[in-house]
Amino acid sequence: MEIIASVVGKVADYTVAPIGRQASYMIFYKGNFKMLADHVKDLQAARERMLHLVEEARGNGKEIEKDVLSWFEKVNEVIETANQLQNDPRRANVMC
């Protein structure tokens, strides 16, 4: 009898947690997209601030480090991916 209880307990652990996680995605769907939009705006503002600093440094004859340029590339990729996700036509058909 203990073996059955143990098996049932393990099955419940492995099924309830994933189902709960998936349900939370559906429940918080709109809020997550709102949060994503807010974070993208913050990232865009940070990119603009850095761009001004880089332009100022170039104007002063300084060389821009490779990690800064790499950061700009990564930021642009993240913003592009987030915008594609937010503008996905399939998103309009989601009903939660």
PDB file of N, CA and C in Angstrom:
ATOM      1  N   MET A   1       0.822  -1.190   0.000  1.00  0.00           N
ATOM      2  CA  MET A   1       0.000   0.000   0.000  1.00  0.00           C
ATOM      3  C   MET A   1       0.872   1.262   0.000  1.00  0.00           C
ATOM      4  N   GLU A   2       2.012   1.193   0.699  1.00  0.00           N
ATOM      5  CA  GLU A   2       2.907   2.344   0.733  1.00  0.00           C
ATOM      6  C   GLU A   2       3.485   2.632  -0.648  1.00  0.00           C
ATOM      7  N   ILE A   3       3.730   1.576  -1.411  1.00  0.00           N
ATOM      8  CA  ILE A   3       4.280   1.747  -2.754  1.00  0.00           C
ATOM      9  C   ILE A   3       3.287   2.493  -3.638  1.00  0.00           C
ATOM     10  N   ILE A   4       2.028   2.146  -3.545  1.00  0.00           N
ATOM     11  CA  ILE A   4       0.994   2.810  -4.344  1.00  0.00           C
ATOM     12  C   ILE A   4       0.897   4.279  -3.951  1.00  0.00           C
ATOM     13  N   ALA A   5       0.918   4.554  -2.675  1.00  0.00           N
ATOM     14  CA  ALA A   5       0.852   5.942  -2.212  1.00  0.00           C
ATOM     15  C   ALA A   5       2.071   6.719  -2.695  1.00  0.00           C
ATOM     16  N   SER A   6       3.221   6.087  -2.681  1.00  0.00           N
ATOM     17  CA  SER A   6       4.440   6.741  -3.139  1.00  0.00           C
ATOM     18  C   SER A   6       4.361   7.045  -4.629  1.00  0.00           C
ATOM     19  N   VAL A   7       3.892   6.097  -5.413  1.00  0.00           N
ATOM     20  CA  VAL A   7       3.766   6.273  -6.857  1.00  0.00           C
ATOM     21  C   VAL A   7       2.752   7.369  -7.165  1.00  0.00           C
ATOM     22  N   VAL A   8       1.618   7.330  -6.487  1.00  0.00           N
ATOM     23  CA  VAL A   8       0.587   8.342  -6.718  1.00  0.00           C
ATOM     24  C   VAL A   8       1.130   9.725  -6.344  1.00  0.00           C
ATOM     25  N   GLY A   9       1.881   9.807  -5.274  1.00  0.00           N
ATOM     26  CA  GLY A   9       2.470  11.077  -4.863  1.00  0.00           C
ATOM     27  C   GLY A   9       3.427  11.615  -5.902  1.00  0.00           C
ATOM     28  N   LYS A  10       4.271  10.723  -6.446  1.00  0.00           N
ATOM     29  CA  LYS A  10       5.229  11.156  -7.476  1.00  0.00           C
ATOM     30  C   LYS A  10       4.510  11.589  -8.751  1.00  0.00           C
ATOM     31  N   VAL A  11       3.495  10.838  -9.153  1.00  0.00           N
ATOM     32  CA  VAL A  11       2.728  11.193 -10.350  1.00  0.00           C
ATOM     33  C   VAL A  11       2.079  12.560 -10.160  1.00  0.00           C
ATOM     34  N   ALA A  12       1.533  12.791  -8.980  1.00  0.00           N
ATOM     35  CA  ALA A  12       0.911  14.091  -8.706  1.00  0.00           C
ATOM     36  C   ALA A  12       1.952  15.207  -8.769  1.00  0.00           C
ATOM     37  N   ASP A  13       3.133  14.964  -8.208  1.00  0.00           N
ATOM     38  CA  ASP A  13       4.192  15.979  -8.240  1.00  0.00           C
ATOM     39  C   ASP A  13       4.584  16.326  -9.670  1.00  0.00           C
ATOM     40  N   TYR A  14       4.680  15.316 -10.515  1.00  0.00           N
ATOM     41  CA  TYR A  14       5.140  15.545 -11.884  1.00  0.00           C
ATOM     42  C   TYR A  14       4.046  16.065 -12.806  1.00  0.00           C
ATOM     43  N   THR A  15       2.802  16.013 -12.404  1.00  0.00           N
ATOM     44  CA  THR A  15       1.723  16.514 -13.262  1.00  0.00           C
ATOM     45  C   THR A  15       1.146  17.832 -12.775  1.00  0.00           C
ATOM     46  N   VAL A  16       1.025  18.000 -11.480  1.00  0.00           N
ATOM     47  CA  VAL A  16       0.393  19.209 -10.956  1.00  0.00           C
ATOM     48  C   VAL A  16       1.266  20.437 -11.190  1.00  0.00           C
ATOM     49  N   ALA A  17       2.546  20.344 -10.936  1.00  0.00           N
ATOM     50  CA  ALA A  17       3.429  21.507 -11.103  1.00  0.00           C
ATOM     51  C   ALA A  17       3.460  22.003 -12.552  1.00  0.00           C
ATOM     52  N   PRO A  18       3.668  21.137 -13.555  1.00  0.00           N
ATOM     53  CA  PRO A  18       3.663  21.632 -14.940  1.00  0.00           C
ATOM     54  C   PRO A  18       2.308  22.206 -15.362  1.00  0.00           C
ATOM     55  N   ILE A  19       1.226  21.577 -14.924  1.00  0.00           N
ATOM     56  CA  ILE A  19      -0.105  22.093 -15.268  1.00  0.00           C
ATOM     57  C   ILE A  19      -0.307  23.464 -14.635  1.00  0.00           C
ATOM     58  N   GLY A  20       0.117  23.604 -13.395  1.00  0.00           N
ATOM     59  CA  GLY A  20       0.012  24.895 -12.725  1.00  0.00           C
ATOM     60  C   GLY A  20       0.824  25.968 -13.424  1.00  0.00           C
ATOM     61  N   ARG A  21       2.013  25.615 -13.876  1.00  0.00           N
ATOM     62  CA  ARG A  21       2.873  26.572 -14.580  1.00  0.00           C
ATOM     63  C   ARG A  21       2.210  27.014 -15.883  1.00  0.00           C
ATOM     64  N   GLN A  22       1.678  26.063 -16.636  1.00  0.00           N
ATOM     65  CA  GLN A  22       1.013  26.407 -17.895  1.00  0.00           C
ATOM     66  C   GLN A  22      -0.226  27.253 -17.648  1.00  0.00           C
ATOM     67  N   ALA A  23      -0.968  26.936 -16.609  1.00  0.00           N
ATOM     68  CA  ALA A  23      -2.154  27.727 -16.269  1.00  0.00           C
ATOM     69  C   ALA A  23      -1.756  29.150 -15.899  1.00  0.00           C
ATOM     70  N   SER A  24      -0.652  29.311 -15.199  1.00  0.00           N
ATOM     71  CA  SER A  24      -0.218  30.665 -14.823  1.00  0.00           C
ATOM     72  C   SER A  24       0.178  31.472 -16.054  1.00  0.00           C
ATOM     73  N   TYR A  25       0.726  30.814 -17.078  1.00  0.00           N
ATOM     74  CA  TYR A  25       1.050  31.530 -18.310  1.00  0.00           C
ATOM     75  C   TYR A  25      -0.217  32.106 -18.925  1.00  0.00           C
ATOM     76  N   MET A  26      -1.280  31.320 -18.934  1.00  0.00           N
ATOM     77  CA  MET A  26      -2.535  31.788 -19.517  1.00  0.00           C
ATOM     78  C   MET A  26      -3.169  32.880 -18.664  1.00  0.00           C
ATOM     79  N   ILE A  27      -3.105  32.718 -17.363  1.00  0.00           N
ATOM     80  CA  ILE A  27      -3.727  33.688 -16.465  1.00  0.00           C
ATOM     81  C   ILE A  27      -3.024  35.043 -16.541  1.00  0.00           C
ATOM     82  N   PHE A  28      -1.709  35.030 -16.579  1.00  0.00           N
ATOM     83  CA  PHE A  28      -0.929  36.269 -16.550  1.00  0.00           C
ATOM     84  C   PHE A  28      -0.462  36.715 -17.932  1.00  0.00           C
ATOM     85  N   TYR A  29      -1.077  36.202 -18.988  1.00  0.00           N
ATOM     86  CA  TYR A  29      -0.658  36.454 -20.364  1.00  0.00           C
ATOM     87  C   TYR A  29      -0.581  37.946 -20.678  1.00  0.00           C
ATOM     88  N   LYS A  30      -1.683  38.658 -20.483  1.00  0.00           N
ATOM     89  CA  LYS A  30      -1.716  40.077 -20.821  1.00  0.00           C
ATOM     90  C   LYS A  30      -0.758  40.880 -19.945  1.00  0.00           C
ATOM     91  N   GLY A  31      -0.703  40.549 -18.682  1.00  0.00           N
ATOM     92  CA  GLY A  31       0.212  41.239 -17.773  1.00  0.00           C
ATOM     93  C   GLY A  31       1.662  41.036 -18.167  1.00  0.00           C
ATOM     94  N   ASN A  32       1.987  39.812 -18.616  1.00  0.00           N
ATOM     95  CA  ASN A  32       3.359  39.539 -19.055  1.00  0.00           C
ATOM     96  C   ASN A  32       3.721  40.356 -20.291  1.00  0.00           C
ATOM     97  N   PHE A  33       2.773  40.499 -21.220  1.00  0.00           N
ATOM     98  CA  PHE A  33       3.055  41.304 -22.411  1.00  0.00           C
ATOM     99  C   PHE A  33       3.162  42.780 -22.063  1.00  0.00           C
ATOM    100  N   LYS A  34       2.382  43.241 -21.099  1.00  0.00           N
ATOM    101  CA  LYS A  34       2.486  44.630 -20.645  1.00  0.00           C
ATOM    102  C   LYS A  34       3.862  44.860 -20.016  1.00  0.00           C
ATOM    103  N   MET A  35       4.289  43.905 -19.193  1.00  0.00           N
ATOM    104  CA  MET A  35       5.597  44.010 -18.557  1.00  0.00           C
ATOM    105  C   MET A  35       6.702  43.981 -19.613  1.00  0.00           C
ATOM    106  N   LEU A  36       6.550  43.137 -20.632  1.00  0.00           N
ATOM    107  CA  LEU A  36       7.533  43.089 -21.716  1.00  0.00           C
ATOM    108  C   LEU A  36       7.608  44.434 -22.422  1.00  0.00           C
ATOM    109  N   ALA A  37       6.475  45.035 -22.712  1.00  0.00           N
ATOM    110  CA  ALA A  37       6.455  46.337 -23.385  1.00  0.00           C
ATOM    111  C   ALA A  37       7.147  47.394 -22.528  1.00  0.00           C
ATOM    112  N   ASP A  38       6.903  47.363 -21.230  1.00  0.00           N
ATOM    113  CA  ASP A  38       7.555  48.326 -20.330  1.00  0.00           C
ATOM    114  C   ASP A  38       9.064  48.133 -20.315  1.00  0.00           C
ATOM    115  N   HIS A  39       9.506  46.889 -20.274  1.00  0.00           N
ATOM    116  CA  HIS A  39      10.943  46.612 -20.257  1.00  0.00           C
ATOM    117  C   HIS A  39      11.596  47.003 -21.579  1.00  0.00           C
ATOM    118  N   VAL A  40      10.887  46.812 -22.684  1.00  0.00           N
ATOM    119  CA  VAL A  40      11.427  47.206 -23.992  1.00  0.00           C
ATOM    120  C   VAL A  40      11.596  48.728 -24.046  1.00  0.00           C
ATOM    121  N   LYS A  41      10.610  49.466 -23.516  1.00  0.00           N
ATOM    122  CA  LYS A  41      10.733  50.929 -23.489  1.00  0.00           C
ATOM    123  C   LYS A  41      11.932  51.357 -22.647  1.00  0.00           C
ATOM    124  N   ASP A  42      12.115  50.714 -21.496  1.00  0.00           N
ATOM    125  CA  ASP A  42      13.266  51.024 -20.645  1.00  0.00           C
ATOM    126  C   ASP A  42      14.580  50.724 -21.363  1.00  0.00           C
ATOM    127  N   LEU A  43      14.615  49.605 -22.072  1.00  0.00           N
ATOM    128  CA  LEU A  43      15.827  49.226 -22.800  1.00  0.00           C
ATOM    129  C   LEU A  43      16.105  50.196 -23.940  1.00  0.00           C
ATOM    130  N   GLN A  44      15.056  50.624 -24.624  1.00  0.00           N
ATOM    131  CA  GLN A  44      15.235  51.607 -25.691  1.00  0.00           C
ATOM    132  C   GLN A  44      15.776  52.923 -25.141  1.00  0.00           C
ATOM    133  N   ALA A  45      15.290  53.343 -23.988  1.00  0.00           N
ATOM    134  CA  ALA A  45      15.776  54.571 -23.366  1.00  0.00           C
ATOM    135  C   ALA A  45      17.248  54.426 -22.973  1.00  0.00           C
ATOM    136  N   ALA A  46      17.621  53.271 -22.434  1.00  0.00           N
ATOM    137  CA  ALA A  46      19.012  53.028 -22.064  1.00  0.00           C
ATOM    138  C   ALA A  46      19.901  53.027 -23.300  1.00  0.00           C
ATOM    139  N   ARG A  47      19.385  52.462 -24.386  1.00  0.00           N
ATOM    140  CA  ARG A  47      20.150  52.456 -25.637  1.00  0.00           C
ATOM    141  C   ARG A  47      20.380  53.885 -26.143  1.00  0.00           C
ATOM    142  N   GLU A  48      19.345  54.710 -26.057  1.00  0.00           N
ATOM    143  CA  GLU A  48      19.482  56.100 -26.489  1.00  0.00           C
ATOM    144  C   GLU A  48      20.499  56.859 -25.626  1.00  0.00           C
ATOM    145  N   ARG A  49      20.455  56.642 -24.311  1.00  0.00           N
ATOM    146  CA  ARG A  49      21.432  57.293 -23.428  1.00  0.00           C
ATOM    147  C   ARG A  49      22.855  56.869 -23.785  1.00  0.00           C
ATOM    148  N   MET A  50      23.031  55.569 -23.997  1.00  0.00           N
ATOM    149  CA  MET A  50      24.364  55.065 -24.356  1.00  0.00           C
ATOM    150  C   MET A  50      24.803  55.595 -25.711  1.00  0.00           C
ATOM    151  N   LEU A  51      23.870  55.707 -26.632  1.00  0.00           N
ATOM    152  CA  LEU A  51      24.196  56.225 -27.958  1.00  0.00           C
ATOM    153  C   LEU A  51      24.703  57.663 -27.866  1.00  0.00           C
ATOM    154  N   HIS A  52      24.070  58.467 -27.024  1.00  0.00           N
ATOM    155  CA  HIS A  52      24.533  59.847 -26.839  1.00  0.00           C
ATOM    156  C   HIS A  52      25.931  59.875 -26.234  1.00  0.00           C
ATOM    157  N   LEU A  53      26.176  59.002 -25.268  1.00  0.00           N
ATOM    158  CA  LEU A  53      27.507  58.947 -24.657  1.00  0.00           C
ATOM    159  C   LEU A  53      28.572  58.503 -25.658  1.00  0.00           C
ATOM    160  N   VAL A  54      28.217  57.528 -26.498  1.00  0.00           N
ATOM    161  CA  VAL A  54      29.159  57.040 -27.508  1.00  0.00           C
ATOM    162  C   VAL A  54      29.451  58.134 -28.527  1.00  0.00           C
ATOM    163  N   GLU A  55      28.413  58.846 -28.966  1.00  0.00           N
ATOM    164  CA  GLU A  55      28.619  59.933 -29.930  1.00  0.00           C
ATOM    165  C   GLU A  55      29.485  61.039 -29.333  1.00  0.00           C
ATOM    166  N   GLU A  56      29.251  61.325 -28.062  1.00  0.00           N
ATOM    167  CA  GLU A  56      30.066  62.340 -27.383  1.00  0.00           C
ATOM    168  C   GLU A  56      31.527  61.888 -27.282  1.00  0.00           C
ATOM    169  N   ALA A  57      31.734  60.606 -26.952  1.00  0.00           N
ATOM    170  CA  ALA A  57      33.098  60.082 -26.853  1.00  0.00           C
ATOM    171  C   ALA A  57      33.782  60.099 -28.219  1.00  0.00           C
ATOM    172  N   ARG A  58      33.062  59.741 -29.265  1.00  0.00           N
ATOM    173  CA  ARG A  58      33.648  59.787 -30.614  1.00  0.00           C
ATOM    174  C   ARG A  58      34.003  61.214 -31.000  1.00  0.00           C
ATOM    175  N   GLY A  59      33.131  62.148 -30.606  1.00  0.00           N
ATOM    176  CA  GLY A  59      33.404  63.561 -30.890  1.00  0.00           C
ATOM    177  C   GLY A  59      34.657  64.053 -30.185  1.00  0.00           C
ATOM    178  N   ASN A  60      34.981  63.430 -29.052  1.00  0.00           N
ATOM    179  CA  ASN A  60      36.195  63.791 -28.318  1.00  0.00           C
ATOM    180  C   ASN A  60      37.403  62.993 -28.781  1.00  0.00           C
ATOM    181  N   GLY A  61      37.226  62.206 -29.838  1.00  0.00           N
ATOM    182  CA  GLY A  61      38.338  61.460 -30.404  1.00  0.00           C
ATOM    183  C   GLY A  61      38.656  60.149 -29.695  1.00  0.00           C
ATOM    184  N   LYS A  62      37.753  59.672 -28.856  1.00  0.00           N
ATOM    185  CA  LYS A  62      38.006  58.419 -28.144  1.00  0.00           C
ATOM    186  C   LYS A  62      37.514  57.232 -28.960  1.00  0.00           C
ATOM    187  N   GLU A  63      38.186  56.113 -28.765  1.00  0.00           N
ATOM    188  CA  GLU A  63      37.796  54.877 -29.436  1.00  0.00           C
ATOM    189  C   GLU A  63      36.756  54.156 -28.579  1.00  0.00           C
ATOM    190  N   ILE A  64      35.762  53.586 -29.242  1.00  0.00           N
ATOM    191  CA  ILE A  64      34.693  52.884 -28.539  1.00  0.00           C
ATOM    192  C   ILE A  64      35.100  51.417 -28.384  1.00  0.00           C
ATOM    193  N   GLU A  65      34.975  50.926 -27.178  1.00  0.00           N
ATOM    194  CA  GLU A  65      35.363  49.547 -26.876  1.00  0.00           C
ATOM    195  C   GLU A  65      34.440  48.556 -27.588  1.00  0.00           C
ATOM    196  N   LYS A  66      34.990  47.380 -27.896  1.00  0.00           N
ATOM    197  CA  LYS A  66      34.234  46.351 -28.608  1.00  0.00           C
ATOM    198  C   LYS A  66      33.051  45.840 -27.799  1.00  0.00           C
ATOM    199  N   ASP A  67      33.205  45.769 -26.467  1.00  0.00           N
ATOM    200  CA  ASP A  67      32.097  45.268 -25.668  1.00  0.00           C
ATOM    201  C   ASP A  67      30.903  46.223 -25.693  1.00  0.00           C
ATOM    202  N   VAL A  68      31.161  47.514 -25.863  1.00  0.00           N
ATOM    203  CA  VAL A  68      30.067  48.485 -25.978  1.00  0.00           C
ATOM    204  C   VAL A  68      29.338  48.279 -27.298  1.00  0.00           C
ATOM    205  N   LEU A  69      30.094  48.098 -28.360  1.00  0.00           N
ATOM    206  CA  LEU A  69      29.483  47.854 -29.671  1.00  0.00           C
ATOM    207  C   LEU A  69      28.717  46.533 -29.675  1.00  0.00           C
ATOM    208  N   SER A  70      29.270  45.546 -29.014  1.00  0.00           N
ATOM    209  CA  SER A  70      28.588  44.254 -28.895  1.00  0.00           C
ATOM    210  C   SER A  70      27.285  44.405 -28.115  1.00  0.00           C
ATOM    211  N   TRP A  71      27.316  45.233 -27.070  1.00  0.00           N
ATOM    212  CA  TRP A  71      26.108  45.481 -26.279  1.00  0.00           C
ATOM    213  C   TRP A  71      25.023  46.090 -27.151  1.00  0.00           C
ATOM    214  N   PHE A  72      25.402  47.052 -28.010  1.00  0.00           N
ATOM    215  CA  PHE A  72      24.429  47.664 -28.908  1.00  0.00           C
ATOM    216  C   PHE A  72      23.803  46.628 -29.830  1.00  0.00           C
ATOM    217  N   GLU A  73      24.612  45.718 -30.356  1.00  0.00           N
ATOM    218  CA  GLU A  73      24.089  44.674 -31.242  1.00  0.00           C
ATOM    219  C   GLU A  73      23.099  43.788 -30.510  1.00  0.00           C
ATOM    220  N   LYS A  74      23.456  43.374 -29.292  1.00  0.00           N
ATOM    221  CA  LYS A  74      22.571  42.515 -28.507  1.00  0.00           C
ATOM    222  C   LYS A  74      21.271  43.227 -28.155  1.00  0.00           C
ATOM    223  N   VAL A  75      21.382  44.489 -27.772  1.00  0.00           N
ATOM    224  CA  VAL A  75      20.190  45.266 -27.426  1.00  0.00           C
ATOM    225  C   VAL A  75      19.269  45.389 -28.629  1.00  0.00           C
ATOM    226  N   ASN A  76      19.830  45.667 -29.786  1.00  0.00           N
ATOM    227  CA  ASN A  76      19.009  45.780 -30.993  1.00  0.00           C
ATOM    228  C   ASN A  76      18.318  44.466 -31.313  1.00  0.00           C
ATOM    229  N   GLU A  77      19.012  43.343 -31.141  1.00  0.00           N
ATOM    230  CA  GLU A  77      18.407  42.031 -31.382  1.00  0.00           C
ATOM    231  C   GLU A  77      17.269  41.763 -30.399  1.00  0.00           C
ATOM    232  N   VAL A  78      17.485  42.084 -29.134  1.00  0.00           N
ATOM    233  CA  VAL A  78      16.453  41.845 -28.120  1.00  0.00           C
ATOM    234  C   VAL A  78      15.225  42.698 -28.401  1.00  0.00           C
ATOM    235  N   ILE A  79      15.431  43.954 -28.724  1.00  0.00           N
ATOM    236  CA  ILE A  79      14.300  44.838 -29.015  1.00  0.00           C
ATOM    237  C   ILE A  79      13.549  44.364 -30.242  1.00  0.00           C
ATOM    238  N   GLU A  80      14.277  43.952 -31.267  1.00  0.00           N
ATOM    239  CA  GLU A  80      13.632  43.456 -32.491  1.00  0.00           C
ATOM    240  C   GLU A  80      12.814  42.191 -32.205  1.00  0.00           C
ATOM    241  N   THR A  81      13.386  41.276 -31.443  1.00  0.00           N
ATOM    242  CA  THR A  81      12.674  40.038 -31.113  1.00  0.00           C
ATOM    243  C   THR A  81      11.428  40.334 -30.286  1.00  0.00           C
ATOM    244  N   ALA A  82      11.544  41.222 -29.321  1.00  0.00           N
ATOM    245  CA  ALA A  82      10.389  41.568 -28.485  1.00  0.00           C
ATOM    246  C   ALA A  82       9.299  42.230 -29.315  1.00  0.00           C
ATOM    247  N   ASN A  83       9.688  43.103 -30.228  1.00  0.00           N
ATOM    248  CA  ASN A  83       8.698  43.757 -31.086  1.00  0.00           C
ATOM    249  C   ASN A  83       8.020  42.756 -32.014  1.00  0.00           C
ATOM    250  N   GLN A  84       8.766  41.805 -32.538  1.00  0.00           N
ATOM    251  CA  GLN A  84       8.155  40.771 -33.375  1.00  0.00           C
ATOM    252  C   GLN A  84       7.151  39.951 -32.573  1.00  0.00           C
ATOM    253  N   LEU A  85       7.514  39.640 -31.349  1.00  0.00           N
ATOM    254  CA  LEU A  85       6.624  38.869 -30.492  1.00  0.00           C
ATOM    255  C   LEU A  85       5.357  39.656 -30.175  1.00  0.00           C
ATOM    256  N   GLN A  86       5.510  40.938 -29.886  1.00  0.00           N
ATOM    257  CA  GLN A  86       4.348  41.757 -29.557  1.00  0.00           C
ATOM    258  C   GLN A  86       3.454  42.010 -30.765  1.00  0.00           C
ATOM    259  N   ASN A  87       4.032  42.037 -31.960  1.00  0.00           N
ATOM    260  CA  ASN A  87       3.264  42.310 -33.173  1.00  0.00           C
ATOM    261  C   ASN A  87       2.843  41.047 -33.907  1.00  0.00           C
ATOM    262  N   ASP A  88       3.041  39.899 -33.302  1.00  0.00           N
ATOM    263  CA  ASP A  88       2.670  38.627 -33.915  1.00  0.00           C
ATOM    264  C   ASP A  88       1.152  38.589 -34.110  1.00  0.00           C
ATOM    265  N   PRO A  89       0.694  38.355 -35.342  1.00  0.00           N
ATOM    266  CA  PRO A  89      -0.762  38.348 -35.585  1.00  0.00           C
ATOM    267  C   PRO A  89      -1.499  37.239 -34.817  1.00  0.00           C
ATOM    268  N   ARG A  90      -0.796  36.176 -34.472  1.00  0.00           N
ATOM    269  CA  ARG A  90      -1.438  35.102 -33.717  1.00  0.00           C
ATOM    270  C   ARG A  90      -1.791  35.552 -32.308  1.00  0.00           C
ATOM    271  N   ARG A  91      -1.091  36.564 -31.813  1.00  0.00           N
ATOM    272  CA  ARG A  91      -1.343  37.065 -30.470  1.00  0.00           C
ATOM    273  C   ARG A  91      -2.732  37.678 -30.351  1.00  0.00           C
ATOM    274  N   ALA A  92      -3.224  38.269 -31.426  1.00  0.00           N
ATOM    275  CA  ALA A  92      -4.550  38.909 -31.402  1.00  0.00           C
ATOM    276  C   ALA A  92      -5.666  37.886 -31.230  1.00  0.00           C
ATOM    277  N   ASN A  93      -5.420  36.653 -31.614  1.00  0.00           N
ATOM    278  CA  ASN A  93      -6.453  35.617 -31.555  1.00  0.00           C
ATOM    279  C   ASN A  93      -6.475  34.865 -30.227  1.00  0.00           C
ATOM    280  N   VAL A  94      -5.602  35.213 -29.320  1.00  0.00           N
ATOM    281  CA  VAL A  94      -5.509  34.493 -28.052  1.00  0.00           C
ATOM    282  C   VAL A  94      -6.606  34.993 -27.119  1.00  0.00           C
ATOM    283  N   MET A  95      -7.355  34.056 -26.588  1.00  0.00           N
ATOM    284  CA  MET A  95      -8.390  34.414 -25.625  1.00  0.00           C
ATOM    285  C   MET A  95      -8.128  33.654 -24.333  1.00  0.00           C
ATOM    286  N   CYS A  96      -7.945  34.387 -23.276  1.00  0.00           N
ATOM    287  CA  CYS A  96      -7.711  33.780 -21.981  1.00  0.00           C
ATOM    288  C   CYS A  96      -8.794  34.183 -21.013  1.00  0.00           C
TER     289      CYS A  96
END
